[in-house]
Amino acid sequence: MVKFKEPINPFYFLCAVFGVAFTVTACAYGLLLLRGNRGLNLATNDAPQHPLMSFLDRYGMIILGVEVALLVAVSLAAILLDHYRGKRIKSSRKP
């Protein structure tokens, strides 16, 4: 009996990419909030703030929201593709 090998789901790769991007952004945004709460904001000490921190200060919540939405969409697409392929394989194996 020949064993059928399923094709790789391309949405798994996208889930990993968006998951890593979300994790890095969330950690950087968390660091921004932690530094702000502890009074370690470099901008108040007449020193320039790091460009990443000023960018996240302006657009951090928007970026996190977009990344979560993309992660949800890609995860649902991966689940639906697996479900579709599973049903197609089952229907092709029935006599």
C-alpha atoms as a PDB file:
ATOM      1  CA  MET A   1       0.000   0.000   0.000  1.00  0.00           C
ATOM      2  CA  VAL A   2       1.370   3.375  -1.008  1.00  0.00           C
ATOM      3  CA  LYS A   3       1.465   5.885   1.799  1.00  0.00           C
ATOM      4  CA  PHE A   4       0.093   9.295   0.823  1.00  0.00           C
ATOM      5  CA  LYS A   5       2.266  12.239   1.837  1.00  0.00           C
ATOM      6  CA  GLU A   6       0.358  15.434   2.545  1.00  0.00           C
ATOM      7  CA  PRO A   7       1.719  18.638   1.040  1.00  0.00           C
ATOM      8  CA  ILE A   8       3.103  21.184   3.458  1.00  0.00           C
ATOM      9  CA  ASN A   9       0.669  23.848   4.574  1.00  0.00           C
ATOM     10  CA  PRO A  10       2.227  27.212   3.585  1.00  0.00           C
ATOM     11  CA  PHE A  11       0.237  29.008   6.267  1.00  0.00           C
ATOM     12  CA  TYR A  12       2.301  27.285   8.988  1.00  0.00           C
ATOM     13  CA  PHE A  13       5.362  29.221   7.835  1.00  0.00           C
ATOM     14  CA  LEU A  14       3.396  32.474   7.865  1.00  0.00           C
ATOM     15  CA  CYS A  15       2.089  31.678  11.349  1.00  0.00           C
ATOM     16  CA  ALA A  16       5.655  31.286  12.570  1.00  0.00           C
ATOM     17  CA  VAL A  17       6.814  34.513  10.898  1.00  0.00           C
ATOM     18  CA  PHE A  18       3.913  36.590  12.233  1.00  0.00           C
ATOM     19  CA  GLY A  19       4.210  34.957  15.660  1.00  0.00           C
ATOM     20  CA  VAL A  20       7.885  35.883  15.940  1.00  0.00           C
ATOM     21  CA  ALA A  21       7.194  39.418  14.689  1.00  0.00           C
ATOM     22  CA  PHE A  22       4.405  39.828  17.245  1.00  0.00           C
ATOM     23  CA  THR A  23       6.594  38.504  20.062  1.00  0.00           C
ATOM     24  CA  VAL A  24       9.460  40.861  19.247  1.00  0.00           C
ATOM     25  CA  THR A  25       7.126  43.853  18.920  1.00  0.00           C
ATOM     26  CA  ALA A  26       5.300  43.017  22.152  1.00  0.00           C
ATOM     27  CA  CYS A  27       8.596  42.684  24.050  1.00  0.00           C
ATOM     28  CA  ALA A  28       9.875  45.998  22.685  1.00  0.00           C
ATOM     29  CA  TYR A  29       6.588  47.714  23.516  1.00  0.00           C
ATOM     30  CA  GLY A  30       6.658  46.184  26.999  1.00  0.00           C
ATOM     31  CA  LEU A  31      10.178  47.523  27.481  1.00  0.00           C
ATOM     32  CA  LEU A  32       8.983  50.960  26.398  1.00  0.00           C
ATOM     33  CA  LEU A  33       6.166  50.866  28.958  1.00  0.00           C
ATOM     34  CA  LEU A  34       8.463  49.541  31.690  1.00  0.00           C
ATOM     35  CA  ARG A  35      11.000  52.285  31.093  1.00  0.00           C
ATOM     36  CA  GLY A  36       8.254  54.896  31.090  1.00  0.00           C
ATOM     37  CA  ASN A  37       6.792  53.628  34.359  1.00  0.00           C
ATOM     38  CA  ARG A  38      10.174  53.548  36.081  1.00  0.00           C
ATOM     39  CA  GLY A  39      11.112  57.023  34.913  1.00  0.00           C
ATOM     40  CA  LEU A  40      13.920  55.818  32.680  1.00  0.00           C
ATOM     41  CA  ASN A  41      12.746  57.769  29.691  1.00  0.00           C
ATOM     42  CA  LEU A  42      15.876  59.138  28.057  1.00  0.00           C
ATOM     43  CA  ALA A  43      13.986  61.993  26.416  1.00  0.00           C
ATOM     44  CA  THR A  44      13.427  63.678  29.809  1.00  0.00           C
ATOM     45  CA  ASN A  45      17.176  63.723  30.511  1.00  0.00           C
ATOM     46  CA  ASP A  46      17.898  65.936  27.468  1.00  0.00           C
ATOM     47  CA  ALA A  47      19.254  62.901  25.642  1.00  0.00           C
ATOM     48  CA  PRO A  48      17.687  61.768  22.374  1.00  0.00           C
ATOM     49  CA  GLN A  49      15.366  58.793  22.607  1.00  0.00           C
ATOM     50  CA  HIS A  50      16.184  55.718  20.546  1.00  0.00           C
ATOM     51  CA  PRO A  51      14.355  55.845  17.173  1.00  0.00           C
ATOM     52  CA  LEU A  52      12.707  52.456  17.761  1.00  0.00           C
ATOM     53  CA  MET A  53      11.313  53.575  21.090  1.00  0.00           C
ATOM     54  CA  SER A  54       9.931  56.822  19.679  1.00  0.00           C
ATOM     55  CA  PHE A  55       8.416  54.890  16.749  1.00  0.00           C
ATOM     56  CA  LEU A  56       6.776  52.400  19.129  1.00  0.00           C
ATOM     57  CA  ASP A  57       5.597  55.237  21.327  1.00  0.00           C
ATOM     58  CA  ARG A  58       3.677  56.676  18.366  1.00  0.00           C
ATOM     59  CA  TYR A  59       2.555  53.555  16.497  1.00  0.00           C
ATOM     60  CA  GLY A  60       3.047  50.637  18.926  1.00  0.00           C
ATOM     61  CA  MET A  61      -0.600  49.828  19.610  1.00  0.00           C
ATOM     62  CA  ILE A  62      -1.514  50.075  15.933  1.00  0.00           C
ATOM     63  CA  ILE A  63       1.340  47.753  14.967  1.00  0.00           C
ATOM     64  CA  LEU A  64       0.393  45.233  17.657  1.00  0.00           C
ATOM     65  CA  GLY A  65      -3.248  45.320  16.568  1.00  0.00           C
ATOM     66  CA  VAL A  66      -2.351  44.736  12.919  1.00  0.00           C
ATOM     67  CA  GLU A  67       0.002  41.897  13.852  1.00  0.00           C
ATOM     68  CA  VAL A  68      -2.667  40.212  15.976  1.00  0.00           C
ATOM     69  CA  ALA A  69      -5.196  40.538  13.155  1.00  0.00           C
ATOM     70  CA  LEU A  70      -2.726  39.043  10.653  1.00  0.00           C
ATOM     71  CA  LEU A  71      -1.854  36.240  13.062  1.00  0.00           C
ATOM     72  CA  VAL A  72      -5.532  35.397  13.551  1.00  0.00           C
ATOM     73  CA  ALA A  73      -6.215  35.469   9.796  1.00  0.00           C
ATOM     74  CA  VAL A  74      -3.238  33.262   8.925  1.00  0.00           C
ATOM     75  CA  SER A  75      -4.030  30.829  11.759  1.00  0.00           C
ATOM     76  CA  LEU A  76      -7.619  30.481  10.572  1.00  0.00           C
ATOM     77  CA  ALA A  77      -6.407  29.975   7.007  1.00  0.00           C
ATOM     78  CA  ALA A  78      -4.055  27.199   8.171  1.00  0.00           C
ATOM     79  CA  ILE A  79      -6.859  25.485  10.078  1.00  0.00           C
ATOM     80  CA  LEU A  80      -9.290  25.762   7.164  1.00  0.00           C
ATOM     81  CA  LEU A  81      -6.746  24.447   4.652  1.00  0.00           C
ATOM     82  CA  ASP A  82      -5.988  21.444   6.875  1.00  0.00           C
ATOM     83  CA  HIS A  83      -9.709  20.800   7.303  1.00  0.00           C
ATOM     84  CA  TYR A  84     -10.326  21.051   3.561  1.00  0.00           C
ATOM     85  CA  ARG A  85      -7.422  18.727   2.726  1.00  0.00           C
ATOM     86  CA  GLY A  86      -8.535  16.234   5.354  1.00  0.00           C
ATOM     87  CA  LYS A  87     -12.064  16.060   3.949  1.00  0.00           C
ATOM     88  CA  ARG A  88     -10.734  15.733   0.407  1.00  0.00           C
ATOM     89  CA  ILE A  89      -8.456  12.835   1.393  1.00  0.00           C
ATOM     90  CA  LYS A  90     -11.281  11.089   3.256  1.00  0.00           C
ATOM     91  CA  SER A  91     -13.635  11.396   0.302  1.00  0.00           C
ATOM     92  CA  SER A  92     -11.018  10.079  -2.137  1.00  0.00           C
ATOM     93  CA  ARG A  93     -10.357   6.990   0.028  1.00  0.00           C
ATOM     94  CA  LYS A  94     -13.997   5.908   0.242  1.00  0.00           C
ATOM     95  CA  PRO A  95     -14.829   3.013  -2.100  1.00  0.00           C
END
